[in-house]
Amino acid sequence: MCLGIPGKVTELYTANGMKMGRVDFGGVVKEACLEYLPDIRVGDYTIVHVGFGISQLDEDEARQTLALLREMDMLAGELPELAEAP
């Protein structure tokens, strides 16, 4: 199963003409394409699904979503490093 997981944008850059960024998922940092989110900025939160930022959300919503995914034990397959995080 592939989940859309919320993370915080920590860096923005362009690669091969595409808007890209580094997204921090509570300590696990991954690269994501943010081309679908033209207004996203460093410090904003996004839902990343299979390497693409697909929506923007606020910090509280991001934290609640991560907590719910942990509670439902759904992070282990996507980001095992976060499955046990507080």
PDB file of N, CA and C in Angstrom:
ATOM      1  N   MET A   1       0.843  -1.181   0.000  1.00  0.00           N
ATOM      2  CA  MET A   1       0.000   0.000   0.000  1.00  0.00           C
ATOM      3  C   MET A   1       0.882   1.236   0.000  1.00  0.00           C
ATOM      4  N   CYS A   2       0.545   2.212  -0.768  1.00  0.00           N
ATOM      5  CA  CYS A   2       1.272   3.484  -0.792  1.00  0.00           C
ATOM      6  C   CYS A   2       0.425   4.553  -0.121  1.00  0.00           C
ATOM      7  N   LEU A   3       1.001   5.215   0.846  1.00  0.00           N
ATOM      8  CA  LEU A   3       0.300   6.266   1.574  1.00  0.00           C
ATOM      9  C   LEU A   3       0.806   7.634   1.165  1.00  0.00           C
ATOM     10  N   GLY A   4      -0.042   8.626   1.277  1.00  0.00           N
ATOM     11  CA  GLY A   4       0.394  10.004   1.204  1.00  0.00           C
ATOM     12  C   GLY A   4       0.759  10.408   2.621  1.00  0.00           C
ATOM     13  N   ILE A   5       1.993  10.818   2.842  1.00  0.00           N
ATOM     14  CA  ILE A   5       2.476  11.105   4.185  1.00  0.00           C
ATOM     15  C   ILE A   5       2.836  12.583   4.292  1.00  0.00           C
ATOM     16  N   PRO A   6       2.426  13.240   5.374  1.00  0.00           N
ATOM     17  CA  PRO A   6       2.736  14.661   5.534  1.00  0.00           C
ATOM     18  C   PRO A   6       4.176  14.889   5.978  1.00  0.00           C
ATOM     19  N   GLY A   7       4.757  15.960   5.448  1.00  0.00           N
ATOM     20  CA  GLY A   7       6.109  16.346   5.826  1.00  0.00           C
ATOM     21  C   GLY A   7       6.304  17.838   5.641  1.00  0.00           C
ATOM     22  N   LYS A   8       7.385  18.345   6.231  1.00  0.00           N
ATOM     23  CA  LYS A   8       7.704  19.772   6.191  1.00  0.00           C
ATOM     24  C   LYS A   8       8.760  20.042   5.126  1.00  0.00           C
ATOM     25  N   VAL A   9       8.500  21.011   4.273  1.00  0.00           N
ATOM     26  CA  VAL A   9       9.441  21.395   3.227  1.00  0.00           C
ATOM     27  C   VAL A   9      10.597  22.151   3.877  1.00  0.00           C
ATOM     28  N   THR A  10      11.818  21.645   3.667  1.00  0.00           N
ATOM     29  CA  THR A  10      12.995  22.272   4.273  1.00  0.00           C
ATOM     30  C   THR A  10      13.889  22.955   3.250  1.00  0.00           C
ATOM     31  N   GLU A  11      13.686  22.639   1.984  1.00  0.00           N
ATOM     32  CA  GLU A  11      14.512  23.218   0.924  1.00  0.00           C
ATOM     33  C   GLU A  11      13.740  23.154  -0.390  1.00  0.00           C
ATOM     34  N   LEU A  12      13.893  24.180  -1.206  1.00  0.00           N
ATOM     35  CA  LEU A  12      13.301  24.206  -2.553  1.00  0.00           C
ATOM     36  C   LEU A  12      14.404  24.446  -3.570  1.00  0.00           C
ATOM     37  N   TYR A  13      14.305  23.798  -4.722  1.00  0.00           N
ATOM     38  CA  TYR A  13      15.265  23.988  -5.804  1.00  0.00           C
ATOM     39  C   TYR A  13      14.654  23.497  -7.106  1.00  0.00           C
ATOM     40  N   THR A  14      15.321  23.776  -8.195  1.00  0.00           N
ATOM     41  CA  THR A  14      14.870  23.332  -9.512  1.00  0.00           C
ATOM     42  C   THR A  14      15.849  22.287 -10.032  1.00  0.00           C
ATOM     43  N   ALA A  15      15.308  21.212 -10.571  1.00  0.00           N
ATOM     44  CA  ALA A  15      16.129  20.156 -11.177  1.00  0.00           C
ATOM     45  C   ALA A  15      15.457  19.737 -12.477  1.00  0.00           C
ATOM     46  N   ASN A  16      16.193  19.820 -13.562  1.00  0.00           N
ATOM     47  CA  ASN A  16      15.651  19.464 -14.885  1.00  0.00           C
ATOM     48  C   ASN A  16      14.362  20.227 -15.193  1.00  0.00           C
ATOM     49  N   GLY A  17      14.317  21.492 -14.775  1.00  0.00           N
ATOM     50  CA  GLY A  17      13.159  22.339 -15.041  1.00  0.00           C
ATOM     51  C   GLY A  17      11.958  22.074 -14.155  1.00  0.00           C
ATOM     52  N   MET A  18      12.109  21.232 -13.142  1.00  0.00           N
ATOM     53  CA  MET A  18      11.000  20.884 -12.241  1.00  0.00           C
ATOM     54  C   MET A  18      11.248  21.460 -10.849  1.00  0.00           C
ATOM     55  N   LYS A  19      10.176  21.922 -10.203  1.00  0.00           N
ATOM     56  CA  LYS A  19      10.265  22.401  -8.825  1.00  0.00           C
ATOM     57  C   LYS A  19      10.403  21.184  -7.916  1.00  0.00           C
ATOM     58  N   MET A  20      11.506  21.150  -7.177  1.00  0.00           N
ATOM     59  CA  MET A  20      11.807  20.034  -6.299  1.00  0.00           C
ATOM     60  C   MET A  20      12.033  20.554  -4.889  1.00  0.00           C
ATOM     61  N   GLY A  21      12.062  19.644  -3.938  1.00  0.00           N
ATOM     62  CA  GLY A  21      12.344  20.041  -2.576  1.00  0.00           C
ATOM     63  C   GLY A  21      12.767  18.881  -1.718  1.00  0.00           C
ATOM     64  N   ARG A  22      13.296  19.220  -0.580  1.00  0.00           N
ATOM     65  CA  ARG A  22      13.581  18.233   0.454  1.00  0.00           C
ATOM     66  C   ARG A  22      12.468  18.366   1.479  1.00  0.00           C
ATOM     67  N   VAL A  23      11.920  17.222   1.867  1.00  0.00           N
ATOM     68  CA  VAL A  23      10.789  17.198   2.787  1.00  0.00           C
ATOM     69  C   VAL A  23      11.173  16.350   3.993  1.00  0.00           C
ATOM     70  N   ASP A  24      10.973  16.913   5.175  1.00  0.00           N
ATOM     71  CA  ASP A  24      11.314  16.258   6.434  1.00  0.00           C
ATOM     72  C   ASP A  24      10.066  15.605   7.016  1.00  0.00           C
ATOM     73  N   PHE A  25      10.120  14.294   7.148  1.00  0.00           N
ATOM     74  CA  PHE A  25       9.016  13.528   7.719  1.00  0.00           C
ATOM     75  C   PHE A  25       9.378  13.161   9.156  1.00  0.00           C
ATOM     76  N   GLY A  26       9.524  14.156  10.005  1.00  0.00           N
ATOM     77  CA  GLY A  26       9.844  13.900  11.406  1.00  0.00           C
ATOM     78  C   GLY A  26      11.220  13.314  11.623  1.00  0.00           C
ATOM     79  N   GLY A  27      12.196  13.753  10.844  1.00  0.00           N
ATOM     80  CA  GLY A  27      13.562  13.276  10.993  1.00  0.00           C
ATOM     81  C   GLY A  27      14.062  12.477   9.803  1.00  0.00           C
ATOM     82  N   VAL A  28      13.175  12.009   8.986  1.00  0.00           N
ATOM     83  CA  VAL A  28      13.541  11.305   7.756  1.00  0.00           C
ATOM     84  C   VAL A  28      13.338  12.298   6.609  1.00  0.00           C
ATOM     85  N   VAL A  29      14.427  12.630   5.914  1.00  0.00           N
ATOM     86  CA  VAL A  29      14.356  13.637   4.853  1.00  0.00           C
ATOM     87  C   VAL A  29      14.428  12.936   3.499  1.00  0.00           C
ATOM     88  N   LYS A  30      13.472  13.268   2.637  1.00  0.00           N
ATOM     89  CA  LYS A  30      13.405  12.685   1.295  1.00  0.00           C
ATOM     90  C   LYS A  30      13.243  13.801   0.269  1.00  0.00           C
ATOM     91  N   GLU A  31      13.651  13.515  -0.950  1.00  0.00           N
ATOM     92  CA  GLU A  31      13.448  14.433  -2.066  1.00  0.00           C
ATOM     93  C   GLU A  31      12.049  14.199  -2.639  1.00  0.00           C
ATOM     94  N   ALA A  32      11.382  15.285  -3.052  1.00  0.00           N
ATOM     95  CA  ALA A  32      10.054  15.170  -3.641  1.00  0.00           C
ATOM     96  C   ALA A  32       9.895  16.197  -4.756  1.00  0.00           C
ATOM     97  N   CYS A  33       9.115  15.841  -5.743  1.00  0.00           N
ATOM     98  CA  CYS A  33       8.741  16.786  -6.789  1.00  0.00           C
ATOM     99  C   CYS A  33       7.584  17.626  -6.257  1.00  0.00           C
ATOM    100  N   LEU A  34       7.732  18.941  -6.321  1.00  0.00           N
ATOM    101  CA  LEU A  34       6.705  19.849  -5.797  1.00  0.00           C
ATOM    102  C   LEU A  34       6.089  20.691  -6.911  1.00  0.00           C
ATOM    103  N   GLU A  35       6.215  20.221  -8.122  1.00  0.00           N
ATOM    104  CA  GLU A  35       5.720  20.940  -9.299  1.00  0.00           C
ATOM    105  C   GLU A  35       4.212  21.200  -9.224  1.00  0.00           C
ATOM    106  N   TYR A  36       3.466  20.309  -8.592  1.00  0.00           N
ATOM    107  CA  TYR A  36       2.008  20.464  -8.495  1.00  0.00           C
ATOM    108  C   TYR A  36       1.590  21.484  -7.439  1.00  0.00           C
ATOM    109  N   LEU A  37       2.550  22.023  -6.695  1.00  0.00           N
ATOM    110  CA  LEU A  37       2.263  22.961  -5.605  1.00  0.00           C
ATOM    111  C   LEU A  37       3.014  24.273  -5.844  1.00  0.00           C
ATOM    112  N   PRO A  38       2.556  25.084  -6.782  1.00  0.00           N
ATOM    113  CA  PRO A  38       3.304  26.286  -7.166  1.00  0.00           C
ATOM    114  C   PRO A  38       3.490  27.302  -6.037  1.00  0.00           C
ATOM    115  N   ASP A  39       2.621  27.304  -5.038  1.00  0.00           N
ATOM    116  CA  ASP A  39       2.703  28.297  -3.966  1.00  0.00           C
ATOM    117  C   ASP A  39       3.427  27.798  -2.718  1.00  0.00           C
ATOM    118  N   ILE A  40       3.903  26.572  -2.727  1.00  0.00           N
ATOM    119  CA  ILE A  40       4.537  26.019  -1.524  1.00  0.00           C
ATOM    120  C   ILE A  40       5.868  26.722  -1.253  1.00  0.00           C
ATOM    121  N   ARG A  41       6.173  26.891   0.027  1.00  0.00           N
ATOM    122  CA  ARG A  41       7.397  27.563   0.465  1.00  0.00           C
ATOM    123  C   ARG A  41       8.100  26.739   1.526  1.00  0.00           C
ATOM    124  N   VAL A  42       9.361  27.053   1.754  1.00  0.00           N
ATOM    125  CA  VAL A  42      10.090  26.411   2.842  1.00  0.00           C
ATOM    126  C   VAL A  42       9.338  26.678   4.140  1.00  0.00           C
ATOM    127  N   GLY A  43       9.143  25.640   4.932  1.00  0.00           N
ATOM    128  CA  GLY A  43       8.403  25.745   6.190  1.00  0.00           C
ATOM    129  C   GLY A  43       6.966  25.276   6.081  1.00  0.00           C
ATOM    130  N   ASP A  44       6.449  25.184   4.851  1.00  0.00           N
ATOM    131  CA  ASP A  44       5.090  24.677   4.645  1.00  0.00           C
ATOM    132  C   ASP A  44       5.073  23.155   4.749  1.00  0.00           C
ATOM    133  N   TYR A  45       3.893  22.607   4.942  1.00  0.00           N
ATOM    134  CA  TYR A  45       3.710  21.164   5.017  1.00  0.00           C
ATOM    135  C   TYR A  45       2.980  20.680   3.772  1.00  0.00           C
ATOM    136  N   THR A  46       3.341  19.479   3.330  1.00  0.00           N
ATOM    137  CA  THR A  46       2.730  18.889   2.157  1.00  0.00           C
ATOM    138  C   THR A  46       2.482  17.402   2.380  1.00  0.00           C
ATOM    139  N   ILE A  47       1.529  16.876   1.668  1.00  0.00           N
ATOM    140  CA  ILE A  47       1.327  15.422   1.603  1.00  0.00           C
ATOM    141  C   ILE A  47       2.140  14.937   0.410  1.00  0.00           C
ATOM    142  N   VAL A  48       3.033  13.976   0.645  1.00  0.00           N
ATOM    143  CA  VAL A  48       3.845  13.409  -0.434  1.00  0.00           C
ATOM    144  C   VAL A  48       3.369  11.988  -0.703  1.00  0.00           C
ATOM    145  N   HIS A  49       3.102  11.724  -1.962  1.00  0.00           N
ATOM    146  CA  HIS A  49       2.666  10.392  -2.393  1.00  0.00           C
ATOM    147  C   HIS A  49       3.541   9.966  -3.561  1.00  0.00           C
ATOM    148  N   VAL A  50       4.198   8.829  -3.431  1.00  0.00           N
ATOM    149  CA  VAL A  50       5.139   8.284  -4.416  1.00  0.00           C
ATOM    150  C   VAL A  50       6.087   9.343  -4.983  1.00  0.00           C
ATOM    151  N   GLY A  51       6.609  10.188  -4.091  1.00  0.00           N
ATOM    152  CA  GLY A  51       7.615  11.159  -4.494  1.00  0.00           C
ATOM    153  C   GLY A  51       7.107  12.485  -5.007  1.00  0.00           C
ATOM    154  N   PHE A  52       5.794  12.696  -4.982  1.00  0.00           N
ATOM    155  CA  PHE A  52       5.203  13.944  -5.473  1.00  0.00           C
ATOM    156  C   PHE A  52       4.404  14.613  -4.365  1.00  0.00           C
ATOM    157  N   GLY A  53       4.639  15.918  -4.170  1.00  0.00           N
ATOM    158  CA  GLY A  53       3.803  16.695  -3.271  1.00  0.00           C
ATOM    159  C   GLY A  53       2.445  16.880  -3.942  1.00  0.00           C
ATOM    160  N   ILE A  54       1.384  16.433  -3.281  1.00  0.00           N
ATOM    161  CA  ILE A  54       0.061  16.479  -3.929  1.00  0.00           C
ATOM    162  C   ILE A  54      -0.911  17.454  -3.286  1.00  0.00           C
ATOM    163  N   SER A  55      -0.614  17.906  -2.072  1.00  0.00           N
ATOM    164  CA  SER A  55      -1.462  18.918  -1.438  1.00  0.00           C
ATOM    165  C   SER A  55      -0.683  19.591  -0.324  1.00  0.00           C
ATOM    166  N   GLN A  56      -1.173  20.740   0.072  1.00  0.00           N
ATOM    167  CA  GLN A  56      -0.553  21.519   1.133  1.00  0.00           C
ATOM    168  C   GLN A  56      -1.477  21.488   2.340  1.00  0.00           C
ATOM    169  N   LEU A  57      -0.897  21.459   3.554  1.00  0.00           N
ATOM    170  CA  LEU A  57      -1.704  21.451   4.760  1.00  0.00           C
ATOM    171  C   LEU A  57      -0.959  22.194   5.859  1.00  0.00           C
ATOM    172  N   ASP A  58      -1.660  22.481   6.948  1.00  0.00           N
ATOM    173  CA  ASP A  58      -1.013  23.210   8.032  1.00  0.00           C
ATOM    174  C   ASP A  58      -0.314  22.230   8.991  1.00  0.00           C
ATOM    175  N   GLU A  59       0.516  22.773   9.861  1.00  0.00           N
ATOM    176  CA  GLU A  59       1.329  21.964  10.757  1.00  0.00           C
ATOM    177  C   GLU A  59       0.492  21.082  11.678  1.00  0.00           C
ATOM    178  N   ASP A  60      -0.572  21.619  12.225  1.00  0.00           N
ATOM    179  CA  ASP A  60      -1.421  20.854  13.140  1.00  0.00           C
ATOM    180  C   ASP A  60      -2.036  19.648  12.426  1.00  0.00           C
ATOM    181  N   GLU A  61      -2.535  19.871  11.232  1.00  0.00           N
ATOM    182  CA  GLU A  61      -3.123  18.780  10.456  1.00  0.00           C
ATOM    183  C   GLU A  61      -2.071  17.726  10.113  1.00  0.00           C
ATOM    184  N   ALA A  62      -0.856  18.162   9.793  1.00  0.00           N
ATOM    185  CA  ALA A  62       0.233  17.233   9.484  1.00  0.00           C
ATOM    186  C   ALA A  62       0.552  16.362  10.704  1.00  0.00           C
ATOM    187  N   ARG A  63       0.658  16.968  11.876  1.00  0.00           N
ATOM    188  CA  ARG A  63       0.967  16.215  13.099  1.00  0.00           C
ATOM    189  C   ARG A  63      -0.153  15.232  13.445  1.00  0.00           C
ATOM    190  N   GLN A  64      -1.387  15.667  13.313  1.00  0.00           N
ATOM    191  CA  GLN A  64      -2.521  14.783  13.597  1.00  0.00           C
ATOM    192  C   GLN A  64      -2.547  13.589  12.642  1.00  0.00           C
ATOM    193  N   THR A  65      -2.250  13.850  11.382  1.00  0.00           N
ATOM    194  CA  THR A  65      -2.250  12.775  10.385  1.00  0.00           C
ATOM    195  C   THR A  65      -1.150  11.766  10.689  1.00  0.00           C
ATOM    196  N   LEU A  66       0.066  12.242  11.002  1.00  0.00           N
ATOM    197  CA  LEU A  66       1.152  11.323  11.349  1.00  0.00           C
ATOM    198  C   LEU A  66       0.803  10.497  12.582  1.00  0.00           C
ATOM    199  N   ALA A  67       0.214  11.130  13.589  1.00  0.00           N
ATOM    200  CA  ALA A  67      -0.175  10.403  14.802  1.00  0.00           C
ATOM    201  C   ALA A  67      -1.201   9.323  14.478  1.00  0.00           C
ATOM    202  N   LEU A  68      -2.150   9.645  13.640  1.00  0.00           N
ATOM    203  CA  LEU A  68      -3.176   8.669  13.257  1.00  0.00           C
ATOM    204  C   LEU A  68      -2.570   7.511  12.468  1.00  0.00           C
ATOM    205  N   LEU A  69      -1.654   7.814  11.547  1.00  0.00           N
ATOM    206  CA  LEU A  69      -0.997   6.758  10.773  1.00  0.00           C
ATOM    207  C   LEU A  69      -0.188   5.840  11.679  1.00  0.00           C
ATOM    208  N   ARG A  70       0.482   6.412  12.696  1.00  0.00           N
ATOM    209  CA  ARG A  70       1.214   5.592  13.661  1.00  0.00           C
ATOM    210  C   ARG A  70       0.252   4.709  14.449  1.00  0.00           C
ATOM    211  N   GLU A  71      -0.836   5.315  14.923  1.00  0.00           N
ATOM    212  CA  GLU A  71      -1.826   4.586  15.711  1.00  0.00           C
ATOM    213  C   GLU A  71      -2.404   3.406  14.923  1.00  0.00           C
ATOM    214  N   MET A  72      -2.597   3.602  13.640  1.00  0.00           N
ATOM    215  CA  MET A  72      -3.159   2.552  12.781  1.00  0.00           C
ATOM    216  C   MET A  72      -2.063   1.608  12.270  1.00  0.00           C
ATOM    217  N   ASP A  73      -0.802   1.835  12.700  1.00  0.00           N
ATOM    218  CA  ASP A  73       0.339   1.018  12.300  1.00  0.00           C
ATOM    219  C   ASP A  73       0.495   0.960  10.784  1.00  0.00           C
ATOM    220  N   MET A  74       0.383   2.122  10.140  1.00  0.00           N
ATOM    221  CA  MET A  74       0.444   2.174   8.686  1.00  0.00           C
ATOM    222  C   MET A  74       1.732   2.816   8.166  1.00  0.00           C
ATOM    223  N   LEU A  75       2.642   3.226   9.045  1.00  0.00           N
ATOM    224  CA  LEU A  75       3.872   3.861   8.588  1.00  0.00           C
ATOM    225  C   LEU A  75       4.996   2.867   8.300  1.00  0.00           C
ATOM    226  N   ALA A  76       4.960   1.713   8.912  1.00  0.00           N
ATOM    227  CA  ALA A  76       6.072   0.767   8.802  1.00  0.00           C
ATOM    228  C   ALA A  76       6.424   0.419   7.366  1.00  0.00           C
ATOM    229  N   GLY A  77       5.443   0.259   6.509  1.00  0.00           N
ATOM    230  CA  GLY A  77       5.700  -0.092   5.123  1.00  0.00           C
ATOM    231  C   GLY A  77       6.229   1.069   4.286  1.00  0.00           C
ATOM    232  N   GLU A  78       5.948   2.294   4.678  1.00  0.00           N
ATOM    233  CA  GLU A  78       6.338   3.471   3.916  1.00  0.00           C
ATOM    234  C   GLU A  78       7.612   4.117   4.448  1.00  0.00           C
ATOM    235  N   LEU A  79       7.628   4.386   5.730  1.00  0.00           N
ATOM    236  CA  LEU A  79       8.782   5.012   6.389  1.00  0.00           C
ATOM    237  C   LEU A  79       9.027   4.285   7.705  1.00  0.00           C
ATOM    238  N   PRO A  80       9.674   3.129   7.664  1.00  0.00           N
ATOM    239  CA  PRO A  80       9.871   2.341   8.880  1.00  0.00           C
ATOM    240  C   PRO A  80      10.550   3.127   9.992  1.00  0.00           C
ATOM    241  N   GLU A  81      11.381   4.116   9.619  1.00  0.00           N
ATOM    242  CA  GLU A  81      12.088   4.917  10.617  1.00  0.00           C
ATOM    243  C   GLU A  81      11.124   5.713  11.484  1.00  0.00           C
ATOM    244  N   LEU A  82       9.934   5.992  10.980  1.00  0.00           N
ATOM    245  CA  LEU A  82       8.957   6.785  11.727  1.00  0.00           C
ATOM    246  C   LEU A  82       7.941   5.951  12.470  1.00  0.00           C
ATOM    247  N   ALA A  83       7.867   4.682  12.203  1.00  0.00           N
ATOM    248  CA  ALA A  83       6.814   3.847  12.752  1.00  0.00           C
ATOM    249  C   ALA A  83       6.784   3.859  14.280  1.00  0.00           C
ATOM    250  N   GLU A  84       7.942   3.969  14.894  1.00  0.00           N
ATOM    251  CA  GLU A  84       8.023   3.940  16.355  1.00  0.00           C
ATOM    252  C   GLU A  84       8.261   5.309  16.972  1.00  0.00           C
ATOM    253  N   ALA A  85       8.393   6.346  16.170  1.00  0.00           N
ATOM    254  CA  ALA A  85       8.691   7.692  16.696  1.00  0.00           C
ATOM    255  C   ALA A  85       7.535   8.208  17.528  1.00  0.00           C
ATOM    256  N   PRO A  86       7.834   9.092  18.491  1.00  0.00           N
ATOM    257  CA  PRO A  86       6.766   9.648  19.347  1.00  0.00           C
ATOM    258  C   PRO A  86       5.871  10.605  18.593  1.00  0.00           C
TER     259      PRO A  86
END
